[in-house]
Amino acid sequence: MDMKEAFMPAFINSYFIALGVLLGGTIIGGIGAYLAGEPPFQEMHRLSNVLKIWALVAAIGGTFDTFNSFERGIFEGATRDAVKQVFLIVSAMGGSQTGWLIISWLTQEQVNS
């Protein structure tokens, strides 16, 4: 996320981008599984587990900005930017986890599978 953007809109966007990536990718993947003759709910459950990390990466805008903010926080004393990045990552993790939970409820697959 660009640090020139206001923090609260970036925080909210981070959550919903991760949620959208996970839900969208999983649902479209389920449609693809159906068209390929595979069980769509099983594939959706598998995809929701695989896409969690990618939803997080998409929401924070790649890893280089995050590392740059951490480096600036450590070496240049800009701890405010580093703390903001931590909160953006937590927000994206929340969106990713929410999407996973929605897919788990939708597919009714075992959580421990």
PDB file of N, CA and C in Angstrom:
ATOM      1  N   MET A   1       0.838  -1.178   0.000  1.00  0.00           N
ATOM      2  CA  MET A   1       0.000   0.000   0.000  1.00  0.00           C
ATOM      3  C   MET A   1       0.880   1.236   0.000  1.00  0.00           C
ATOM      4  N   ASP A   2       0.466   2.206  -0.746  1.00  0.00           N
ATOM      5  CA  ASP A   2       1.202   3.461  -0.802  1.00  0.00           C
ATOM      6  C   ASP A   2       0.989   4.203   0.505  1.00  0.00           C
ATOM      7  N   MET A   3       2.070   4.618   1.125  1.00  0.00           N
ATOM      8  CA  MET A   3       1.964   5.246   2.438  1.00  0.00           C
ATOM      9  C   MET A   3       1.409   6.665   2.358  1.00  0.00           C
ATOM     10  N   LYS A   4       1.265   7.231   1.136  1.00  0.00           N
ATOM     11  CA  LYS A   4       0.679   8.555   1.009  1.00  0.00           C
ATOM     12  C   LYS A   4      -0.838   8.498   1.134  1.00  0.00           C
ATOM     13  N   GLU A   5      -1.405   7.323   0.989  1.00  0.00           N
ATOM     14  CA  GLU A   5      -2.837   7.125   1.146  1.00  0.00           C
ATOM     15  C   GLU A   5      -3.182   7.207   2.634  1.00  0.00           C
ATOM     16  N   ALA A   6      -4.364   7.749   2.931  1.00  0.00           N
ATOM     17  CA  ALA A   6      -4.806   7.817   4.326  1.00  0.00           C
ATOM     18  C   ALA A   6      -4.882   6.406   4.904  1.00  0.00           C
ATOM     19  N   PHE A   7      -4.625   6.297   6.190  1.00  0.00           N
ATOM     20  CA  PHE A   7      -4.489   4.971   6.787  1.00  0.00           C
ATOM     21  C   PHE A   7      -5.813   4.205   6.841  1.00  0.00           C
ATOM     22  N   MET A   8      -6.895   4.819   7.307  1.00  0.00           N
ATOM     23  CA  MET A   8      -8.149   4.075   7.467  1.00  0.00           C
ATOM     24  C   MET A   8      -8.691   3.546   6.147  1.00  0.00           C
ATOM     25  N   PRO A   9      -8.712   4.337   5.058  1.00  0.00           N
ATOM     26  CA  PRO A   9      -9.133   3.742   3.782  1.00  0.00           C
ATOM     27  C   PRO A   9      -8.232   2.595   3.344  1.00  0.00           C
ATOM     28  N   ALA A  10      -6.922   2.707   3.572  1.00  0.00           N
ATOM     29  CA  ALA A  10      -6.004   1.629   3.216  1.00  0.00           C
ATOM     30  C   ALA A  10      -6.264   0.388   4.074  1.00  0.00           C
ATOM     31  N   PHE A  11      -6.568   0.596   5.347  1.00  0.00           N
ATOM     32  CA  PHE A  11      -6.864  -0.504   6.268  1.00  0.00           C
ATOM     33  C   PHE A  11      -8.115  -1.254   5.806  1.00  0.00           C
ATOM     34  N   ILE A  12      -9.160  -0.507   5.474  1.00  0.00           N
ATOM     35  CA  ILE A  12     -10.413  -1.117   5.016  1.00  0.00           C
ATOM     36  C   ILE A  12     -10.222  -1.783   3.659  1.00  0.00           C
ATOM     37  N   ASN A  13      -9.511  -1.118   2.749  1.00  0.00           N
ATOM     38  CA  ASN A  13      -9.256  -1.701   1.431  1.00  0.00           C
ATOM     39  C   ASN A  13      -8.467  -2.994   1.540  1.00  0.00           C
ATOM     40  N   SER A  14      -7.510  -3.025   2.425  1.00  0.00           N
ATOM     41  CA  SER A  14      -6.695  -4.217   2.608  1.00  0.00           C
ATOM     42  C   SER A  14      -7.559  -5.415   2.998  1.00  0.00           C
ATOM     43  N   TYR A  15      -8.479  -5.190   3.915  1.00  0.00           N
ATOM     44  CA  TYR A  15      -9.380  -6.255   4.358  1.00  0.00           C
ATOM     45  C   TYR A  15     -10.234  -6.772   3.189  1.00  0.00           C
ATOM     46  N   PHE A  16     -10.870  -5.843   2.487  1.00  0.00           N
ATOM     47  CA  PHE A  16     -11.806  -6.257   1.449  1.00  0.00           C
ATOM     48  C   PHE A  16     -11.127  -6.757   0.183  1.00  0.00           C
ATOM     49  N   ILE A  17      -9.912  -6.314  -0.100  1.00  0.00           N
ATOM     50  CA  ILE A  17      -9.181  -6.862  -1.232  1.00  0.00           C
ATOM     51  C   ILE A  17      -8.842  -8.322  -0.963  1.00  0.00           C
ATOM     52  N   ALA A  18      -8.352  -8.623   0.234  1.00  0.00           N
ATOM     53  CA  ALA A  18      -8.035 -10.015   0.585  1.00  0.00           C
ATOM     54  C   ALA A  18      -9.299 -10.877   0.561  1.00  0.00           C
ATOM     55  N   LEU A  19     -10.389 -10.344   1.097  1.00  0.00           N
ATOM     56  CA  LEU A  19     -11.662 -11.070   1.085  1.00  0.00           C
ATOM     57  C   LEU A  19     -12.110 -11.348  -0.349  1.00  0.00           C
ATOM     58  N   GLY A  20     -12.026 -10.343  -1.201  1.00  0.00           N
ATOM     59  CA  GLY A  20     -12.453 -10.495  -2.596  1.00  0.00           C
ATOM     60  C   GLY A  20     -11.593 -11.445  -3.389  1.00  0.00           C
ATOM     61  N   VAL A  21     -10.291 -11.394  -3.181  1.00  0.00           N
ATOM     62  CA  VAL A  21      -9.394 -12.309  -3.889  1.00  0.00           C
ATOM     63  C   VAL A  21      -9.709 -13.741  -3.498  1.00  0.00           C
ATOM     64  N   LEU A  22      -9.890 -13.987  -2.227  1.00  0.00           N
ATOM     65  CA  LEU A  22     -10.149 -15.347  -1.777  1.00  0.00           C
ATOM     66  C   LEU A  22     -11.515 -15.840  -2.253  1.00  0.00           C
ATOM     67  N   LEU A  23     -12.554 -15.040  -2.058  1.00  0.00           N
ATOM     68  CA  LEU A  23     -13.893 -15.469  -2.476  1.00  0.00           C
ATOM     69  C   LEU A  23     -13.983 -15.611  -3.990  1.00  0.00           C
ATOM     70  N   GLY A  24     -13.489 -14.613  -4.707  1.00  0.00           N
ATOM     71  CA  GLY A  24     -13.567 -14.657  -6.167  1.00  0.00           C
ATOM     72  C   GLY A  24     -12.792 -15.805  -6.759  1.00  0.00           C
ATOM     73  N   GLY A  25     -11.558 -15.982  -6.315  1.00  0.00           N
ATOM     74  CA  GLY A  25     -10.743 -17.075  -6.833  1.00  0.00           C
ATOM     75  C   GLY A  25     -11.323 -18.441  -6.521  1.00  0.00           C
ATOM     76  N   THR A  26     -11.865 -18.575  -5.332  1.00  0.00           N
ATOM     77  CA  THR A  26     -12.431 -19.860  -4.930  1.00  0.00           C
ATOM     78  C   THR A  26     -13.709 -20.176  -5.697  1.00  0.00           C
ATOM     79  N   ILE A  27     -14.571 -19.196  -5.848  1.00  0.00           N
ATOM     80  CA  ILE A  27     -15.842 -19.436  -6.560  1.00  0.00           C
ATOM     81  C   ILE A  27     -15.594 -19.702  -8.040  1.00  0.00           C
ATOM     82  N   ILE A  28     -14.729 -18.911  -8.664  1.00  0.00           N
ATOM     83  CA  ILE A  28     -14.417 -19.142 -10.076  1.00  0.00           C
ATOM     84  C   ILE A  28     -13.723 -20.494 -10.248  1.00  0.00           C
ATOM     85  N   GLY A  29     -12.839 -20.847  -9.324  1.00  0.00           N
ATOM     86  CA  GLY A  29     -12.207 -22.163  -9.367  1.00  0.00           C
ATOM     87  C   GLY A  29     -13.210 -23.292  -9.206  1.00  0.00           C
ATOM     88  N   GLY A  30     -14.233 -23.082  -8.371  1.00  0.00           N
ATOM     89  CA  GLY A  30     -15.293 -24.076  -8.214  1.00  0.00           C
ATOM     90  C   GLY A  30     -16.103 -24.253  -9.491  1.00  0.00           C
ATOM     91  N   ILE A  31     -16.335 -23.149 -10.194  1.00  0.00           N
ATOM     92  CA  ILE A  31     -17.042 -23.237 -11.477  1.00  0.00           C
ATOM     93  C   ILE A  31     -16.193 -24.013 -12.478  1.00  0.00           C
ATOM     94  N   GLY A  32     -14.889 -23.745 -12.486  1.00  0.00           N
ATOM     95  CA  GLY A  32     -13.990 -24.493 -13.361  1.00  0.00           C
ATOM     96  C   GLY A  32     -13.963 -25.974 -13.037  1.00  0.00           C
ATOM     97  N   ALA A  33     -13.988 -26.302 -11.761  1.00  0.00           N
ATOM     98  CA  ALA A  33     -14.004 -27.714 -11.352  1.00  0.00           C
ATOM     99  C   ALA A  33     -15.295 -28.378 -11.819  1.00  0.00           C
ATOM    100  N   TYR A  34     -16.413 -27.672 -11.694  1.00  0.00           N
ATOM    101  CA  TYR A  34     -17.694 -28.224 -12.148  1.00  0.00           C
ATOM    102  C   TYR A  34     -17.658 -28.503 -13.654  1.00  0.00           C
ATOM    103  N   LEU A  35     -17.132 -27.543 -14.418  1.00  0.00           N
ATOM    104  CA  LEU A  35     -17.062 -27.718 -15.873  1.00  0.00           C
ATOM    105  C   LEU A  35     -16.103 -28.838 -16.261  1.00  0.00           C
ATOM    106  N   ALA A  36     -15.104 -29.106 -15.428  1.00  0.00           N
ATOM    107  CA  ALA A  36     -14.144 -30.180 -15.694  1.00  0.00           C
ATOM    108  C   ALA A  36     -14.632 -31.530 -15.186  1.00  0.00           C
ATOM    109  N   GLY A  37     -15.788 -31.568 -14.539  1.00  0.00           N
ATOM    110  CA  GLY A  37     -16.336 -32.819 -14.055  1.00  0.00           C
ATOM    111  C   GLY A  37     -15.801 -33.252 -12.699  1.00  0.00           C
ATOM    112  N   GLU A  38     -15.170 -32.348 -11.969  1.00  0.00           N
ATOM    113  CA  GLU A  38     -14.659 -32.655 -10.639  1.00  0.00           C
ATOM    114  C   GLU A  38     -15.644 -32.143  -9.596  1.00  0.00           C
ATOM    115  N   PRO A  39     -15.563 -32.656  -8.365  1.00  0.00           N
ATOM    116  CA  PRO A  39     -16.465 -32.181  -7.313  1.00  0.00           C
ATOM    117  C   PRO A  39     -16.160 -30.715  -6.951  1.00  0.00           C
ATOM    118  N   PRO A  40     -17.093 -29.800  -7.220  1.00  0.00           N
ATOM    119  CA  PRO A  40     -16.783 -28.376  -7.040  1.00  0.00           C
ATOM    120  C   PRO A  40     -16.573 -27.961  -5.594  1.00  0.00           C
ATOM    121  N   PHE A  41     -17.342 -28.523  -4.657  1.00  0.00           N
ATOM    122  CA  PHE A  41     -17.187 -28.086  -3.264  1.00  0.00           C
ATOM    123  C   PHE A  41     -15.851 -28.526  -2.680  1.00  0.00           C
ATOM    124  N   GLN A  42     -15.409 -29.732  -3.027  1.00  0.00           N
ATOM    125  CA  GLN A  42     -14.105 -30.179  -2.558  1.00  0.00           C
ATOM    126  C   GLN A  42     -12.999 -29.303  -3.126  1.00  0.00           C
ATOM    127  N   GLU A  43     -13.131 -28.953  -4.398  1.00  0.00           N
ATOM    128  CA  GLU A  43     -12.124 -28.103  -5.031  1.00  0.00           C
ATOM    129  C   GLU A  43     -12.158 -26.689  -4.452  1.00  0.00           C
ATOM    130  N   MET A  44     -13.350 -26.194  -4.149  1.00  0.00           N
ATOM    131  CA  MET A  44     -13.464 -24.872  -3.545  1.00  0.00           C
ATOM    132  C   MET A  44     -12.802 -24.857  -2.169  1.00  0.00           C
ATOM    133  N   HIS A  45     -13.007 -25.901  -1.397  1.00  0.00           N
ATOM    134  CA  HIS A  45     -12.381 -25.977  -0.077  1.00  0.00           C
ATOM    135  C   HIS A  45     -10.860 -26.028  -0.199  1.00  0.00           C
ATOM    136  N   ARG A  46     -10.363 -26.814  -1.141  1.00  0.00           N
ATOM    137  CA  ARG A  46      -8.922 -26.902  -1.360  1.00  0.00           C
ATOM    138  C   ARG A  46      -8.366 -25.556  -1.818  1.00  0.00           C
ATOM    139  N   LEU A  47      -9.054 -24.904  -2.729  1.00  0.00           N
ATOM    140  CA  LEU A  47      -8.587 -23.608  -3.230  1.00  0.00           C
ATOM    141  C   LEU A  47      -8.599 -22.540  -2.139  1.00  0.00           C
ATOM    142  N   SER A  48      -9.588 -22.589  -1.269  1.00  0.00           N
ATOM    143  CA  SER A  48      -9.631 -21.576  -0.205  1.00  0.00           C
ATOM    144  C   SER A  48      -8.413 -21.696   0.715  1.00  0.00           C
ATOM    145  N   ASN A  49      -7.936 -22.918   0.919  1.00  0.00           N
ATOM    146  CA  ASN A  49      -6.728 -23.101   1.733  1.00  0.00           C
ATOM    147  C   ASN A  49      -5.480 -22.611   1.003  1.00  0.00           C
ATOM    148  N   VAL A  50      -5.426 -22.841  -0.307  1.00  0.00           N
ATOM    149  CA  VAL A  50      -4.256 -22.466  -1.096  1.00  0.00           C
ATOM    150  C   VAL A  50      -4.204 -20.959  -1.335  1.00  0.00           C
ATOM    151  N   LEU A  51      -5.341 -20.330  -1.519  1.00  0.00           N
ATOM    152  CA  LEU A  51      -5.382 -18.916  -1.886  1.00  0.00           C
ATOM    153  C   LEU A  51      -5.241 -17.959  -0.705  1.00  0.00           C
ATOM    154  N   LYS A  52      -5.228 -18.457   0.519  1.00  0.00           N
ATOM    155  CA  LYS A  52      -5.137 -17.556   1.676  1.00  0.00           C
ATOM    156  C   LYS A  52      -3.887 -16.688   1.626  1.00  0.00           C
ATOM    157  N   ILE A  53      -2.748 -17.261   1.348  1.00  0.00           N
ATOM    158  CA  ILE A  53      -1.513 -16.483   1.332  1.00  0.00           C
ATOM    159  C   ILE A  53      -1.490 -15.526   0.152  1.00  0.00           C
ATOM    160  N   TRP A  54      -2.055 -15.951  -0.993  1.00  0.00           N
ATOM    161  CA  TRP A  54      -2.055 -15.079  -2.165  1.00  0.00           C
ATOM    162  C   TRP A  54      -3.010 -13.910  -1.986  1.00  0.00           C
ATOM    163  N   ALA A  55      -4.086 -14.117  -1.268  1.00  0.00           N
ATOM    164  CA  ALA A  55      -4.984 -13.010  -0.963  1.00  0.00           C
ATOM    165  C   ALA A  55      -4.278 -11.986  -0.077  1.00  0.00           C
ATOM    166  N   LEU A  56      -3.504 -12.457   0.860  1.00  0.00           N
ATOM    167  CA  LEU A  56      -2.727 -11.566   1.730  1.00  0.00           C
ATOM    168  C   LEU A  56      -1.712 -10.764   0.920  1.00  0.00           C
ATOM    169  N   VAL A  57      -0.979 -11.425   0.034  1.00  0.00           N
ATOM    170  CA  VAL A  57       0.023 -10.740  -0.785  1.00  0.00           C
ATOM    171  C   VAL A  57      -0.637  -9.721  -1.706  1.00  0.00           C
ATOM    172  N   ALA A  58      -1.763 -10.076  -2.303  1.00  0.00           N
ATOM    173  CA  ALA A  58      -2.462  -9.143  -3.191  1.00  0.00           C
ATOM    174  C   ALA A  58      -2.967  -7.928  -2.418  1.00  0.00           C
ATOM    175  N   ALA A  59      -3.435  -8.138  -1.212  1.00  0.00           N
ATOM    176  CA  ALA A  59      -4.004  -7.041  -0.433  1.00  0.00           C
ATOM    177  C   ALA A  59      -2.948  -6.042   0.017  1.00  0.00           C
ATOM    178  N   ILE A  60      -1.756  -6.505   0.348  1.00  0.00           N
ATOM    179  CA  ILE A  60      -0.728  -5.564   0.802  1.00  0.00           C
ATOM    180  C   ILE A  60       0.063  -5.006  -0.366  1.00  0.00           C
ATOM    181  N   GLY A  61      -0.246  -5.426  -1.587  1.00  0.00           N
ATOM    182  CA  GLY A  61       0.392  -4.844  -2.759  1.00  0.00           C
ATOM    183  C   GLY A  61       1.783  -5.370  -3.025  1.00  0.00           C
ATOM    184  N   GLY A  62       2.049  -6.587  -2.691  1.00  0.00           N
ATOM    185  CA  GLY A  62       3.376  -7.154  -2.883  1.00  0.00           C
ATOM    186  C   GLY A  62       4.204  -6.997  -1.626  1.00  0.00           C
ATOM    187  N   THR A  63       5.346  -7.620  -1.625  1.00  0.00           N
ATOM    188  CA  THR A  63       6.147  -7.629  -0.412  1.00  0.00           C
ATOM    189  C   THR A  63       7.198  -6.534  -0.368  1.00  0.00           C
ATOM    190  N   PHE A  64       7.557  -5.947  -1.492  1.00  0.00           N
ATOM    191  CA  PHE A  64       8.648  -4.978  -1.506  1.00  0.00           C
ATOM    192  C   PHE A  64       8.293  -3.703  -0.745  1.00  0.00           C
ATOM    193  N   ASP A  65       7.072  -3.210  -0.889  1.00  0.00           N
ATOM    194  CA  ASP A  65       6.669  -2.016  -0.138  1.00  0.00           C
ATOM    195  C   ASP A  65       6.690  -2.285   1.363  1.00  0.00           C
ATOM    196  N   THR A  66       6.254  -3.452   1.744  1.00  0.00           N
ATOM    197  CA  THR A  66       6.240  -3.805   3.157  1.00  0.00           C
ATOM    198  C   THR A  66       7.657  -3.864   3.716  1.00  0.00           C
ATOM    199  N   PHE A  67       8.552  -4.536   2.999  1.00  0.00           N
ATOM    200  CA  PHE A  67       9.937  -4.611   3.464  1.00  0.00           C
ATOM    201  C   PHE A  67      10.590  -3.230   3.485  1.00  0.00           C
ATOM    202  N   ASN A  68      10.260  -2.410   2.503  1.00  0.00           N
ATOM    203  CA  ASN A  68      10.804  -1.056   2.473  1.00  0.00           C
ATOM    204  C   ASN A  68      10.350  -0.259   3.692  1.00  0.00           C
ATOM    205  N   SER A  69       9.091  -0.401   4.077  1.00  0.00           N
ATOM    206  CA  SER A  69       8.584   0.303   5.253  1.00  0.00           C
ATOM    207  C   SER A  69       9.241  -0.209   6.536  1.00  0.00           C
ATOM    208  N   PHE A  70       9.431  -1.528   6.633  1.00  0.00           N
ATOM    209  CA  PHE A  70      10.116  -2.080   7.802  1.00  0.00           C
ATOM    210  C   PHE A  70      11.561  -1.593   7.875  1.00  0.00           C
ATOM    211  N   GLU A  71      12.229  -1.569   6.718  1.00  0.00           N
ATOM    212  CA  GLU A  71      13.610  -1.094   6.685  1.00  0.00           C
ATOM    213  C   GLU A  71      13.687   0.374   7.102  1.00  0.00           C
ATOM    214  N   ARG A  72      12.761   1.163   6.597  1.00  0.00           N
ATOM    215  CA  ARG A  72      12.729   2.578   6.968  1.00  0.00           C
ATOM    216  C   ARG A  72      12.457   2.724   8.462  1.00  0.00           C
ATOM    217  N   GLY A  73      11.584   1.872   8.994  1.00  0.00           N
ATOM    218  CA  GLY A  73      11.276   1.921  10.417  1.00  0.00           C
ATOM    219  C   GLY A  73      12.455   1.556  11.296  1.00  0.00           C
ATOM    220  N   ILE A  74      13.244   0.589  10.842  1.00  0.00           N
ATOM    221  CA  ILE A  74      14.372   0.139  11.647  1.00  0.00           C
ATOM    222  C   ILE A  74      15.569   1.079  11.511  1.00  0.00           C
ATOM    223  N   PHE A  75      15.936   1.402  10.271  1.00  0.00           N
ATOM    224  CA  PHE A  75      17.181   2.136  10.048  1.00  0.00           C
ATOM    225  C   PHE A  75      17.021   3.649  10.054  1.00  0.00           C
ATOM    226  N   GLU A  76      15.834   4.151   9.743  1.00  0.00           N
ATOM    227  CA  GLU A  76      15.642   5.594   9.683  1.00  0.00           C
ATOM    228  C   GLU A  76      14.766   6.114  10.814  1.00  0.00           C
ATOM    229  N   GLY A  77      14.329   5.242  11.677  1.00  0.00           N
ATOM    230  CA  GLY A  77      13.533   5.663  12.828  1.00  0.00           C
ATOM    231  C   GLY A  77      12.093   6.005  12.510  1.00  0.00           C
ATOM    232  N   ALA A  78      11.593   5.566  11.368  1.00  0.00           N
ATOM    233  CA  ALA A  78      10.207   5.840  10.987  1.00  0.00           C
ATOM    234  C   ALA A  78       9.322   4.680  11.446  1.00  0.00           C
ATOM    235  N   THR A  79       9.209   4.525  12.749  1.00  0.00           N
ATOM    236  CA  THR A  79       8.448   3.397  13.288  1.00  0.00           C
ATOM    237  C   THR A  79       6.965   3.493  12.973  1.00  0.00           C
ATOM    238  N   ARG A  80       6.479   4.699  12.733  1.00  0.00           N
ATOM    239  CA  ARG A  80       5.061   4.866  12.414  1.00  0.00           C
ATOM    240  C   ARG A  80       4.690   4.117  11.130  1.00  0.00           C
ATOM    241  N   ASP A  81       5.556   4.188  10.103  1.00  0.00           N
ATOM    242  CA  ASP A  81       5.301   3.474   8.858  1.00  0.00           C
ATOM    243  C   ASP A  81       5.327   1.966   9.072  1.00  0.00           C
ATOM    244  N   ALA A  82       6.245   1.484   9.897  1.00  0.00           N
ATOM    245  CA  ALA A  82       6.339   0.050  10.167  1.00  0.00           C
ATOM    246  C   ALA A  82       5.103  -0.448  10.909  1.00  0.00           C
ATOM    247  N   VAL A  83       4.624   0.331  11.856  1.00  0.00           N
ATOM    248  CA  VAL A  83       3.423  -0.055  12.607  1.00  0.00           C
ATOM    249  C   VAL A  83       2.206  -0.055  11.687  1.00  0.00           C
ATOM    250  N   LYS A  84       2.121   0.916  10.791  1.00  0.00           N
ATOM    251  CA  LYS A  84       1.019   0.950   9.833  1.00  0.00           C
ATOM    252  C   LYS A  84       1.028  -0.290   8.954  1.00  0.00           C
ATOM    253  N   GLN A  85       2.211  -0.698   8.509  1.00  0.00           N
ATOM    254  CA  GLN A  85       2.311  -1.894   7.677  1.00  0.00           C
ATOM    255  C   GLN A  85       1.871  -3.139   8.439  1.00  0.00           C
ATOM    256  N   VAL A  86       2.217  -3.220   9.708  1.00  0.00           N
ATOM    257  CA  VAL A  86       1.786  -4.361  10.520  1.00  0.00           C
ATOM    258  C   VAL A  86       0.262  -4.404  10.601  1.00  0.00           C
ATOM    259  N   PHE A  87      -0.359  -3.248  10.819  1.00  0.00           N
ATOM    260  CA  PHE A  87      -1.818  -3.207  10.883  1.00  0.00           C
ATOM    261  C   PHE A  87      -2.456  -3.538   9.534  1.00  0.00           C
ATOM    262  N   LEU A  88      -1.844  -3.123   8.440  1.00  0.00           N
ATOM    263  CA  LEU A  88      -2.371  -3.467   7.120  1.00  0.00           C
ATOM    264  C   LEU A  88      -2.275  -4.975   6.864  1.00  0.00           C
ATOM    265  N   ILE A  89      -1.192  -5.578   7.317  1.00  0.00           N
ATOM    266  CA  ILE A  89      -1.038  -7.026   7.168  1.00  0.00           C
ATOM    267  C   ILE A  89      -2.075  -7.759   8.012  1.00  0.00           C
ATOM    268  N   VAL A  90      -2.296  -7.295   9.231  1.00  0.00           N
ATOM    269  CA  VAL A  90      -3.307  -7.909  10.102  1.00  0.00           C
ATOM    270  C   VAL A  90      -4.696  -7.767   9.481  1.00  0.00           C
ATOM    271  N   SER A  91      -4.979  -6.613   8.893  1.00  0.00           N
ATOM    272  CA  SER A  91      -6.264  -6.396   8.231  1.00  0.00           C
ATOM    273  C   SER A  91      -6.434  -7.365   7.058  1.00  0.00           C
ATOM    274  N   ALA A  92      -5.384  -7.518   6.259  1.00  0.00           N
ATOM    275  CA  ALA A  92      -5.445  -8.448   5.126  1.00  0.00           C
ATOM    276  C   ALA A  92      -5.597  -9.885   5.602  1.00  0.00           C
ATOM    277  N   MET A  93      -4.934 -10.235   6.697  1.00  0.00           N
ATOM    278  CA  MET A  93      -5.093 -11.583   7.254  1.00  0.00           C
ATOM    279  C   MET A  93      -6.528 -11.805   7.711  1.00  0.00           C
ATOM    280  N   GLY A  94      -7.136 -10.777   8.289  1.00  0.00           N
ATOM    281  CA  GLY A  94      -8.534 -10.884   8.705  1.00  0.00           C
ATOM    282  C   GLY A  94      -9.461 -11.089   7.528  1.00  0.00           C
ATOM    283  N   GLY A  95      -9.236 -10.364   6.444  1.00  0.00           N
ATOM    284  CA  GLY A  95     -10.059 -10.535   5.246  1.00  0.00           C
ATOM    285  C   GLY A  95      -9.893 -11.912   4.635  1.00  0.00           C
ATOM    286  N   SER A  96      -8.670 -12.389   4.606  1.00  0.00           N
ATOM    287  CA  SER A  96      -8.391 -13.719   4.074  1.00  0.00           C
ATOM    288  C   SER A  96      -9.045 -14.798   4.933  1.00  0.00           C
ATOM    289  N   GLN A  97      -8.961 -14.658   6.238  1.00  0.00           N
ATOM    290  CA  GLN A  97      -9.568 -15.631   7.151  1.00  0.00           C
ATOM    291  C   GLN A  97     -11.091 -15.590   7.061  1.00  0.00           C
ATOM    292  N   THR A  98     -11.662 -14.402   6.914  1.00  0.00           N
ATOM    293  CA  THR A  98     -13.112 -14.286   6.766  1.00  0.00           C
ATOM    294  C   THR A  98     -13.582 -14.991   5.500  1.00  0.00           C
ATOM    295  N   GLY A  99     -12.865 -14.777   4.393  1.00  0.00           N
ATOM    296  CA  GLY A  99     -13.217 -15.454   3.145  1.00  0.00           C
ATOM    297  C   GLY A  99     -13.117 -16.961   3.275  1.00  0.00           C
ATOM    298  N   TRP A 100     -12.062 -17.438   3.939  1.00  0.00           N
ATOM    299  CA  TRP A 100     -11.913 -18.879   4.157  1.00  0.00           C
ATOM    300  C   TRP A 100     -13.077 -19.433   4.980  1.00  0.00           C
ATOM    301  N   LEU A 101     -13.482 -18.685   5.996  1.00  0.00           N
ATOM    302  CA  LEU A 101     -14.588 -19.128   6.849  1.00  0.00           C
ATOM    303  C   LEU A 101     -15.902 -19.175   6.063  1.00  0.00           C
ATOM    304  N   ILE A 102     -16.140 -18.189   5.220  1.00  0.00           N
ATOM    305  CA  ILE A 102     -17.359 -18.177   4.389  1.00  0.00           C
ATOM    306  C   ILE A 102     -17.372 -19.375   3.456  1.00  0.00           C
ATOM    307  N   ILE A 103     -16.238 -19.667   2.832  1.00  0.00           N
ATOM    308  CA  ILE A 103     -16.165 -20.831   1.938  1.00  0.00           C
ATOM    309  C   ILE A 103     -16.340 -22.129   2.727  1.00  0.00           C
ATOM    310  N   SER A 104     -15.774 -22.206   3.918  1.00  0.00           N
ATOM    311  CA  SER A 104     -15.963 -23.401   4.747  1.00  0.00           C
ATOM    312  C   SER A 104     -17.427 -23.600   5.096  1.00  0.00           C
ATOM    313  N   TRP A 105     -18.128 -22.531   5.422  1.00  0.00           N
ATOM    314  CA  TRP A 105     -19.560 -22.626   5.704  1.00  0.00           C
ATOM    315  C   TRP A 105     -20.341 -23.029   4.457  1.00  0.00           C
ATOM    316  N   LEU A 106     -19.950 -22.474   3.322  1.00  0.00           N
ATOM    317  CA  LEU A 106     -20.659 -22.762   2.081  1.00  0.00           C
ATOM    318  C   LEU A 106     -20.478 -24.211   1.664  1.00  0.00           C
ATOM    319  N   THR A 107     -19.261 -24.707   1.754  1.00  0.00           N
ATOM    320  CA  THR A 107     -18.975 -26.066   1.257  1.00  0.00           C
ATOM    321  C   THR A 107     -19.267 -27.145   2.289  1.00  0.00           C
ATOM    322  N   GLN A 108     -19.330 -26.790   3.569  1.00  0.00           N
ATOM    323  CA  GLN A 108     -19.576 -27.752   4.650  1.00  0.00           C
ATOM    324  C   GLN A 108     -18.526 -28.862   4.668  1.00  0.00           C
ATOM    325  N   GLU A 109     -17.292 -28.527   4.267  1.00  0.00           N
ATOM    326  CA  GLU A 109     -16.191 -29.492   4.323  1.00  0.00           C
ATOM    327  C   GLU A 109     -15.633 -29.510   5.731  1.00  0.00           C
ATOM    328  N   GLN A 110     -14.912 -30.579   6.050  1.00  0.00           N
ATOM    329  CA  GLN A 110     -14.296 -30.682   7.361  1.00  0.00           C
ATOM    330  C   GLN A 110     -13.220 -29.626   7.508  1.00  0.00           C
ATOM    331  N   VAL A 111     -13.148 -29.002   8.665  1.00  0.00           N
ATOM    332  CA  VAL A 111     -12.143 -27.983   8.924  1.00  0.00           C
ATOM    333  C   VAL A 111     -10.768 -28.609   9.039  1.00  0.00           C
ATOM    334  N   ASN A 112     -10.665 -29.811   9.552  1.00  0.00           N
ATOM    335  CA  ASN A 112      -9.377 -30.464   9.790  1.00  0.00           C
ATOM    336  C   ASN A 112      -8.913 -31.324   8.616  1.00  0.00           C
ATOM    337  N   SER A 113      -9.481 -31.138   7.450  1.00  0.00           N
ATOM    338  CA  SER A 113      -9.087 -32.014   6.322  1.00  0.00           C
ATOM    339  C   SER A 113      -7.831 -31.556   5.651  1.00  0.00           C
TER     340      SER A 113
END
